Amino acid sequence: MALIVQKYGGTSVGDVDRIANVARRVARTKAAGNDVVVVVSAMSGETNRLIGLARAIDPDHDPRELDMLVSTGEQVTIALLAMALHKIGVPARSYTGGQVHIRTDNAFTKARIVDIDGAKIRKDLAEGRVVVVAGFQGVDAEGNITTLGRGGSDTTGVALAAALKADECQIYTDVDGVYTTDPRVVPQARRLDSITYEEMLELASLGAKVLQIRSVEFASKYNVPLRVLSSFDEGQGTLIKSEDASTMEQPLIAGVAFNRDEAKLTIMGVPDRPGIAFQILGPVADKNIEVDMIVQNVGQDGSTDFTFTVHRNDYKKALAVLQELKAKLGAREVAGDDKIVKVSVVGVGMRSHAGVASKMFKALSDEGVNIRMISTSEIKISVVVDEKYLELAVRALHTAFGLDAPPPQQQ
């Protein structure tokens, strides 16, 4: 008998018919001889509706009261799912995060899990019940309801799986797994049978929206096997796990990721002296602007050109900071471009194979795609290119690294 934690997102429980469908899926897992803990989100759109009500009352609402309000969304779905399970003959009991002692800090709207007492859940499982838990929420040391912020239900699922030492945490969503790239850009994209935590973290940080980074970090820390599955279609999904001996047989590249929300800024002709990077990036950080890629080029005249990328939403704010710094640092010019994108190849196979970068650059060169910036890590190579080349670049790299699905066989 295995212990399975299943998490269902807002689209999976979007109405009573879908909740009934989830109940049938849970019942099948239980009937196969497994103990089952289910974590659910609020119905699709409900959290936003509740936040809208709060803003209508007071745009500057108190964070504690907002958490009290939005936590009710999950309370509705846990009760409805437990009812749906009872109706088809499956004993079940629903609990809020506080009732199963998911303890958090007191950072309202973005709390972090501190501890989980799984005793109540284990008792119910031992008595043959399915346990249904509200995702996205917990309580602090004083008993205040807290919420975990973006991706909080995924985090709840993984945290419960870690605390209960579950055999697997299954994340049910509206896609049937993790793909080599976005199928809307490359129709030949393939679903991966498995991927490592490291690769998934890189893909998530680069724009893949399948899983929230925080939940993958949690799974990696506690070595919880994660599986991404579709709520609406049958299939094995994608298993996310630690790197092991079997990973050595994995393809060189797991996937091609991209991010459209990029902008590039350059301050040219600043003095090449110790501390100049801090003098530029310090004021940027003071405006709460996150910097991604950085390139510094030193000229023969003793000056340097300093280039970095930011989220496109922060472009104008960052440009204004550089304009202010121009005179102060004696810079020659400030320039920017918010029509760029970042394209990356990711794979643990890079650790033991040479020539990945050259293969990537050749594929882009053959398509006439000019590279504006380059950044590397142990299992990732990222390039900045003009926005108009995004789909061409992704398709070229997907083909170059052998990720295209084989064409269907003719009958």
Protein backbone atom coordinates (compact mmCIF):
# COMPACT_ATOMS: atom_id res chain seq x y z
CA MET A 1 0.00 0.00 0.00
CA ALA A 2 1.35 3.41 -1.01
CA LEU A 3 0.59 6.82 0.45
CA ILE A 4 -0.31 9.26 -2.32
CA VAL A 5 -0.83 13.01 -1.92
CA GLN A 6 -2.88 14.47 -4.77
CA LYS A 7 -3.23 18.20 -5.41
CA TYR A 8 -5.96 19.64 -7.65
CA GLY A 9 -5.84 23.25 -8.85
CA GLY A 10 -8.62 25.75 -9.42
CA THR A 11 -9.51 24.62 -12.95
CA SER A 12 -9.75 21.00 -11.75
CA VAL A 13 -12.41 21.98 -9.17
CA GLY A 14 -13.94 24.82 -11.19
CA ASP A 15 -17.56 23.64 -10.80
CA VAL A 16 -19.54 20.84 -9.17
CA ASP A 17 -19.20 18.55 -12.20
CA ARG A 18 -15.42 18.86 -12.09
CA ILE A 19 -15.42 18.29 -8.32
CA ALA A 20 -17.41 15.09 -8.94
CA ASN A 21 -14.82 14.09 -11.55
CA VAL A 22 -12.02 14.65 -9.01
CA ALA A 23 -13.94 12.50 -6.50
CA ARG A 24 -14.11 9.64 -9.01
CA ARG A 25 -10.39 9.91 -9.71
CA VAL A 26 -9.59 9.91 -5.98
CA ALA A 27 -11.88 6.91 -5.50
CA ARG A 28 -9.98 4.95 -8.18
CA THR A 29 -6.67 5.72 -6.46
CA LYS A 30 -8.13 4.58 -3.14
CA ALA A 31 -9.63 1.43 -4.70
CA ALA A 32 -6.18 0.50 -6.02
CA GLY A 33 -5.12 -0.01 -2.41
CA ASN A 34 -3.55 3.36 -1.66
CA ASP A 35 -3.94 5.75 1.23
CA VAL A 36 -4.91 9.15 -0.23
CA VAL A 37 -4.54 12.72 0.99
CA VAL A 38 -6.07 15.35 -1.31
CA VAL A 39 -5.11 19.03 -1.37
CA VAL A 40 -7.39 21.40 -3.28
CA SER A 41 -7.33 25.02 -4.37
CA ALA A 42 -10.30 27.35 -4.44
CA MET A 43 -12.57 27.14 -7.48
CA SER A 44 -11.08 28.85 -10.53
CA GLY A 45 -11.48 32.63 -10.22
CA GLU A 46 -12.73 32.55 -6.62
CA THR A 47 -9.58 33.90 -4.98
CA ASN A 48 -9.49 36.82 -7.42
CA ARG A 49 -13.18 37.48 -6.73
CA LEU A 50 -12.52 37.65 -2.99
CA ILE A 51 -9.51 39.93 -3.46
CA GLY A 52 -11.72 42.17 -5.60
CA LEU A 53 -14.24 42.42 -2.78
CA ALA A 54 -11.47 43.41 -0.36
CA ARG A 55 -10.24 46.12 -2.72
CA ALA A 56 -13.77 47.42 -3.16
CA ILE A 57 -14.04 47.88 0.61
CA ASP A 58 -10.54 49.30 1.10
CA PRO A 59 -7.73 49.36 -1.48
CA ASP A 60 -5.28 49.54 1.42
CA HIS A 61 -6.79 46.55 3.25
CA ASP A 62 -5.17 44.91 6.25
CA PRO A 63 -3.16 41.79 5.23
CA ARG A 64 -4.40 39.76 8.19
CA GLU A 65 -8.02 40.35 7.24
CA LEU A 66 -7.29 39.59 3.59
CA ASP A 67 -5.92 36.18 4.59
CA MET A 68 -9.03 35.58 6.70
CA LEU A 69 -11.14 36.36 3.62
CA VAL A 70 -9.33 34.52 0.82
CA SER A 71 -8.83 31.36 2.90
CA THR A 72 -12.58 30.75 2.66
CA GLY A 73 -12.27 29.82 -1.02
CA GLU A 74 -10.51 26.55 -0.21
CA GLN A 75 -12.92 25.85 2.65
CA VAL A 76 -15.74 25.65 0.11
CA THR A 77 -13.94 23.16 -2.16
CA ILE A 78 -12.74 20.82 0.61
CA ALA A 79 -16.30 20.48 1.94
CA LEU A 80 -17.79 19.93 -1.53
CA LEU A 81 -15.16 17.33 -2.43
CA ALA A 82 -15.71 15.47 0.84
CA MET A 83 -19.46 15.46 0.10
CA ALA A 84 -18.81 14.17 -3.44
CA LEU A 85 -16.66 11.35 -2.03
CA HIS A 86 -19.32 10.41 0.54
CA LYS A 87 -21.91 10.26 -2.24
CA ILE A 88 -19.93 7.58 -4.12
CA GLY A 89 -19.27 5.57 -0.98
CA VAL A 90 -15.77 6.75 -0.10
CA PRO A 91 -15.29 7.77 3.57
CA ALA A 92 -13.67 11.20 3.67
CA ARG A 93 -13.06 14.08 6.03
CA SER A 94 -12.15 17.68 5.18
CA TYR A 95 -9.84 19.97 7.11
CA THR A 96 -8.62 23.53 6.86
CA GLY A 97 -4.88 24.14 7.06
CA GLY A 98 -5.22 25.19 10.68
CA GLN A 99 -7.13 22.05 11.63
CA VAL A 100 -4.25 19.79 10.51
CA HIS A 101 -1.75 22.09 12.22
CA ILE A 102 0.07 23.50 9.21
CA ARG A 103 2.10 26.02 11.21
CA THR A 104 3.52 29.05 9.41
CA ASP A 105 5.29 32.28 10.24
CA ASN A 106 3.17 35.45 10.50
CA ALA A 107 4.02 36.99 7.11
CA PHE A 108 0.40 37.45 6.01
CA THR A 109 -0.33 36.84 2.29
CA LYS A 110 3.13 35.24 1.78
CA ALA A 111 3.64 33.01 4.82
CA ARG A 112 6.23 30.23 4.97
CA ILE A 113 5.51 26.80 6.42
CA VAL A 114 7.35 26.16 9.70
CA ASP A 115 5.98 22.77 10.77
CA ILE A 116 3.23 20.22 10.08
CA ASP A 117 1.77 17.85 12.66
CA GLY A 118 0.51 14.89 10.67
CA ALA A 119 -1.00 12.97 13.60
CA LYS A 120 -4.63 13.79 12.80
CA ILE A 121 -4.17 12.89 9.12
CA ARG A 122 -2.46 9.58 9.97
CA LYS A 123 -5.31 8.65 12.34
CA ASP A 124 -7.91 9.24 9.63
CA LEU A 125 -5.88 7.29 7.07
CA ALA A 126 -5.54 4.40 9.50
CA GLU A 127 -9.34 4.37 9.85
CA GLY A 128 -9.75 4.10 6.07
CA ARG A 129 -10.70 7.68 5.23
CA VAL A 130 -9.54 9.93 2.42
CA VAL A 131 -8.28 13.17 3.96
CA VAL A 132 -9.12 16.40 2.10
CA VAL A 133 -6.99 19.42 3.08
CA ALA A 134 -7.34 23.07 2.10
CA GLY A 135 -4.30 24.22 0.16
CA PHE A 136 -2.69 27.66 0.27
CA GLN A 137 -3.20 28.21 4.01
CA GLY A 138 -2.04 27.59 7.56
CA VAL A 139 -1.98 29.27 10.97
CA ASP A 140 0.72 31.19 12.80
CA ALA A 141 1.82 30.70 16.42
CA GLU A 142 -1.05 32.90 17.64
CA GLY A 143 -3.70 31.01 15.67
CA ASN A 144 -4.14 33.63 12.95
CA ILE A 145 -5.06 32.26 9.52
CA THR A 146 -2.27 32.84 7.01
CA THR A 147 -1.96 32.21 3.28
CA LEU A 148 1.13 31.02 1.45
CA GLY A 149 1.09 33.33 -1.58
CA ARG A 150 1.41 32.44 -5.23
CA GLY A 151 1.55 28.68 -5.86
CA GLY A 152 0.58 28.05 -2.26
CA SER A 153 -1.57 24.98 -2.91
CA ASP A 154 1.28 23.24 -4.73
CA THR A 155 3.50 24.05 -1.75
CA THR A 156 0.89 22.65 0.66
CA GLY A 157 0.73 19.40 -1.31
CA VAL A 158 4.49 18.93 -1.38
CA ALA A 159 4.89 19.93 2.29
CA LEU A 160 2.24 17.41 3.37
CA ALA A 161 3.89 14.72 1.25
CA ALA A 162 7.22 15.48 2.94
CA ALA A 163 5.74 15.51 6.45
CA LEU A 164 3.83 12.25 5.88
CA LYS A 165 6.74 10.63 3.97
CA ALA A 166 4.39 9.96 1.06
CA ASP A 167 5.47 7.73 -1.79
CA GLU A 168 4.49 10.35 -4.37
CA CYS A 169 2.95 13.81 -4.64
CA GLN A 170 0.74 14.10 -7.71
CA ILE A 171 0.00 17.59 -9.03
CA TYR A 172 -3.13 17.56 -11.22
CA THR A 173 -3.48 20.49 -13.56
CA ASP A 174 -4.79 21.40 -17.02
CA VAL A 175 -1.74 19.97 -18.84
CA ASP A 176 -0.70 16.33 -18.98
CA GLY A 177 2.93 16.80 -17.99
CA VAL A 178 6.11 18.76 -18.61
CA TYR A 179 7.00 19.29 -22.27
CA THR A 180 10.31 19.85 -24.03
CA THR A 181 9.00 23.34 -24.84
CA ASP A 182 5.67 25.12 -25.22
CA PRO A 183 3.61 23.06 -27.74
CA ARG A 184 1.93 26.27 -28.88
CA VAL A 185 5.29 27.41 -30.26
CA VAL A 186 6.63 24.01 -31.35
CA PRO A 187 3.85 21.53 -32.24
CA GLN A 188 6.46 18.74 -32.25
CA ALA A 189 7.20 19.26 -28.53
CA ARG A 190 7.20 16.00 -26.53
CA ARG A 191 5.97 15.23 -23.06
CA LEU A 192 8.86 14.13 -20.84
CA ASP A 193 8.48 10.88 -18.91
CA SER A 194 10.80 12.22 -16.21
CA ILE A 195 12.94 15.24 -15.38
CA THR A 196 15.24 16.16 -12.49
CA TYR A 197 14.43 18.71 -9.81
CA GLU A 198 17.30 20.90 -11.08
CA GLU A 199 16.02 20.87 -14.65
CA MET A 200 12.46 21.63 -13.51
CA LEU A 201 13.68 24.52 -11.35
CA GLU A 202 15.54 26.02 -14.30
CA LEU A 203 12.58 25.57 -16.66
CA ALA A 204 10.18 27.08 -14.08
CA SER A 205 12.47 30.06 -13.46
CA LEU A 206 12.73 30.62 -17.22
CA GLY A 207 9.02 30.86 -17.82
CA ALA A 208 7.59 27.32 -17.82
CA LYS A 209 4.29 27.75 -15.95
CA VAL A 210 3.57 24.08 -15.13
CA LEU A 211 4.80 24.25 -11.52
CA GLN A 212 5.66 27.02 -9.12
CA ILE A 213 9.37 27.26 -8.27
CA ARG A 214 8.69 27.20 -4.53
CA SER A 215 6.99 23.79 -4.61
CA VAL A 216 9.82 22.27 -6.70
CA GLU A 217 12.38 23.68 -4.24
CA PHE A 218 10.44 22.08 -1.38
CA ALA A 219 10.25 18.74 -3.20
CA SER A 220 13.97 18.82 -3.94
CA LYS A 221 14.89 19.69 -0.34
CA TYR A 222 12.87 16.78 1.08
CA ASN A 223 13.33 14.43 -1.90
CA VAL A 224 9.59 14.11 -2.57
CA PRO A 225 8.85 12.49 -5.97
CA LEU A 226 6.53 14.86 -7.86
CA ARG A 227 4.32 13.83 -10.75
CA VAL A 228 2.49 16.30 -13.02
CA LEU A 229 -0.74 14.89 -14.44
CA SER A 230 -3.84 16.08 -16.27
CA SER A 231 -7.14 16.36 -14.38
CA PHE A 232 -9.04 15.75 -17.60
CA ASP A 233 -7.06 13.05 -19.47
CA GLU A 234 -5.58 9.74 -18.44
CA GLY A 235 -1.84 9.21 -18.67
CA GLN A 236 1.41 8.76 -16.74
CA GLY A 237 2.33 12.46 -16.75
CA THR A 238 5.89 13.55 -15.93
CA LEU A 239 7.82 12.39 -12.86
CA ILE A 240 10.12 15.00 -11.27
CA LYS A 241 12.79 13.38 -9.15
CA SER A 242 16.37 13.57 -7.93
CA GLU A 243 19.26 12.95 -10.28
CA ASP A 244 20.43 9.35 -10.09
CA ALA A 245 22.25 6.72 -12.12
CA SER A 246 19.32 6.34 -14.52
CA THR A 247 19.57 10.04 -15.33
CA MET A 248 22.85 9.35 -17.11
CA GLU A 249 20.80 7.86 -19.95
CA GLN A 250 18.66 10.99 -20.20
CA PRO A 251 18.93 13.15 -23.34
CA LEU A 252 21.61 15.83 -23.32
CA ILE A 253 18.98 18.60 -23.23
CA ALA A 254 15.68 18.23 -21.36
CA GLY A 255 13.98 21.27 -22.83
CA VAL A 256 14.03 24.69 -24.43
CA ALA A 257 12.54 27.49 -22.32
CA PHE A 258 11.86 31.11 -23.16
CA ASN A 259 10.75 34.30 -21.46
CA ARG A 260 9.08 37.14 -23.32
CA ASP A 261 9.08 39.52 -20.33
CA GLU A 262 12.64 40.80 -20.76
CA ALA A 263 14.20 44.22 -21.30
CA LYS A 264 17.86 45.21 -21.69
CA LEU A 265 19.63 48.35 -20.45
CA THR A 266 23.16 49.62 -21.03
CA ILE A 267 25.12 52.45 -19.43
CA MET A 268 28.16 53.18 -21.61
CA GLY A 269 31.49 54.81 -20.91
CA VAL A 270 31.53 54.58 -17.11
CA PRO A 271 34.93 54.53 -15.33
CA ASP A 272 36.48 51.06 -14.99
CA ARG A 273 37.22 51.09 -11.26
CA PRO A 274 36.45 48.91 -8.22
CA GLY A 275 32.88 49.28 -7.01
CA ILE A 276 31.40 50.57 -10.27
CA ALA A 277 29.03 47.56 -10.55
CA PHE A 278 27.61 48.33 -7.09
CA GLN A 279 27.31 52.04 -7.92
CA ILE A 280 25.12 51.07 -10.87
CA LEU A 281 23.13 48.15 -9.47
CA GLY A 282 22.75 49.50 -5.92
CA PRO A 283 20.32 52.27 -6.94
CA VAL A 284 18.50 49.76 -9.20
CA ALA A 285 18.04 47.39 -6.26
CA ASP A 286 16.87 50.29 -4.08
CA LYS A 287 13.92 50.65 -6.47
CA ASN A 288 13.06 46.97 -5.86
CA ILE A 289 14.03 46.02 -9.42
CA GLU A 290 15.38 42.49 -9.92
CA VAL A 291 18.32 42.14 -12.30
CA ASP A 292 18.81 38.96 -14.32
CA MET A 293 21.68 38.73 -16.83
CA ILE A 294 24.74 41.02 -16.56
CA VAL A 295 27.53 41.69 -19.07
CA GLN A 296 30.45 44.11 -18.61
CA ASN A 297 32.79 45.07 -21.46
CA VAL A 298 36.00 47.01 -20.74
CA GLY A 299 37.27 49.33 -23.47
CA GLN A 300 40.87 50.33 -24.24
CA ASP A 301 40.23 53.89 -23.05
CA GLY A 302 39.78 52.73 -19.45
CA SER A 303 35.98 52.95 -19.51
CA THR A 304 33.44 50.16 -19.39
CA ASP A 305 30.01 49.43 -20.85
CA PHE A 306 27.65 47.79 -18.34
CA THR A 307 24.60 45.89 -19.63
CA PHE A 308 21.90 44.06 -17.69
CA THR A 309 18.38 42.72 -18.14
CA VAL A 310 15.25 43.29 -16.04
CA HIS A 311 11.60 42.32 -16.21
CA ARG A 312 9.86 44.28 -18.94
CA ASN A 313 7.46 45.82 -16.40
CA ASP A 314 10.48 47.44 -14.67
CA TYR A 315 12.08 48.76 -17.87
CA LYS A 316 11.00 52.41 -17.62
CA LYS A 317 11.78 52.58 -13.92
CA ALA A 318 15.27 51.11 -14.45
CA LEU A 319 15.91 53.41 -17.41
CA ALA A 320 15.08 56.43 -15.24
CA VAL A 321 17.57 55.23 -12.61
CA LEU A 322 20.34 55.00 -15.22
CA GLN A 323 19.50 58.44 -16.59
CA GLU A 324 19.97 59.85 -13.08
CA LEU A 325 23.29 57.99 -12.70
CA LYS A 326 24.65 59.13 -16.06
CA ALA A 327 25.95 62.53 -14.89
CA LYS A 328 26.92 61.28 -11.44
CA LEU A 329 29.16 58.54 -12.88
CA GLY A 330 30.38 60.53 -15.88
CA ALA A 331 28.86 58.02 -18.30
CA ARG A 332 28.82 58.67 -22.02
CA GLU A 333 25.36 57.29 -22.91
CA VAL A 334 22.39 55.30 -21.65
CA ALA A 335 20.48 52.98 -23.96
CA GLY A 336 17.69 50.44 -23.59
CA ASP A 337 15.63 47.90 -25.52
CA ASP A 338 12.36 46.35 -24.39
CA LYS A 339 11.90 44.27 -27.55
CA ILE A 340 14.12 41.36 -26.55
CA VAL A 341 13.50 37.82 -25.24
CA LYS A 342 15.54 35.20 -23.43
CA VAL A 343 15.84 31.67 -24.86
CA SER A 344 17.51 28.89 -22.90
CA VAL A 345 18.48 25.24 -23.26
CA VAL A 346 18.39 23.19 -20.03
CA GLY A 347 19.76 19.75 -19.23
CA VAL A 348 21.81 17.93 -16.60
CA GLY A 349 23.61 16.20 -19.48
CA MET A 350 25.61 19.40 -20.00
CA ARG A 351 27.74 18.47 -17.00
CA SER A 352 29.36 15.59 -18.84
CA HIS A 353 29.14 16.65 -22.49
CA ALA A 354 31.20 19.25 -24.32
CA GLY A 355 30.06 21.32 -27.30
CA VAL A 356 26.57 22.24 -26.16
CA ALA A 357 27.22 25.97 -26.47
CA SER A 358 28.76 25.69 -29.93
CA LYS A 359 25.86 23.54 -31.13
CA MET A 360 23.40 26.09 -29.78
CA PHE A 361 25.19 29.04 -31.37
CA LYS A 362 25.52 27.25 -34.73
CA ALA A 363 21.78 26.44 -34.80
CA LEU A 364 20.94 30.10 -34.21
CA SER A 365 23.54 31.30 -36.70
CA ASP A 366 22.17 28.99 -39.41
CA GLU A 367 18.77 30.70 -38.97
CA GLY A 368 20.25 34.21 -39.03
CA VAL A 369 19.42 34.86 -35.35
CA ASN A 370 21.84 37.35 -33.78
CA ILE A 371 22.79 36.79 -30.12
CA ARG A 372 22.78 39.94 -27.99
CA MET A 373 23.83 38.47 -24.59
CA ILE A 374 24.92 35.08 -23.24
CA SER A 375 24.65 33.61 -19.75
CA THR A 376 25.61 30.10 -18.58
CA SER A 377 25.26 27.88 -15.53
CA GLU A 378 26.14 24.24 -14.92
CA ILE A 379 22.98 22.93 -16.61
CA LYS A 380 21.71 25.94 -18.59
CA ILE A 381 22.75 28.25 -21.43
CA SER A 382 20.66 31.37 -22.02
CA VAL A 383 20.83 33.88 -24.84
CA VAL A 384 19.09 37.20 -25.40
CA VAL A 385 17.79 37.74 -28.93
CA ASP A 386 15.47 40.20 -30.65
CA GLU A 387 11.82 39.50 -29.87
CA LYS A 388 10.94 38.96 -33.54
CA TYR A 389 13.21 35.87 -33.59
CA LEU A 390 11.67 34.13 -30.57
CA GLU A 391 9.69 31.37 -32.26
CA LEU A 392 12.34 30.80 -34.93
CA ALA A 393 15.04 30.45 -32.26
CA VAL A 394 13.01 28.06 -30.12
CA ARG A 395 12.09 25.84 -33.09
CA ALA A 396 15.69 25.79 -34.35
CA LEU A 397 17.10 24.76 -30.95
CA HIS A 398 14.36 22.20 -30.36
CA THR A 399 15.26 20.49 -33.64
CA ALA A 400 19.04 20.88 -33.25
CA PHE A 401 19.04 19.04 -29.92
CA GLY A 402 16.83 16.20 -31.17
CA LEU A 403 13.76 17.07 -29.10
CA ASP A 404 11.17 16.97 -31.89
CA ALA A 405 8.62 14.16 -31.58
CA PRO A 406 8.89 11.61 -34.40
CA PRO A 407 6.21 12.01 -37.09
CA PRO A 408 3.24 9.65 -36.78
CA GLN A 409 3.72 6.38 -38.62
CA GLN A 410 1.75 5.90 -41.81
CA GLN A 411 -0.81 3.09 -41.76
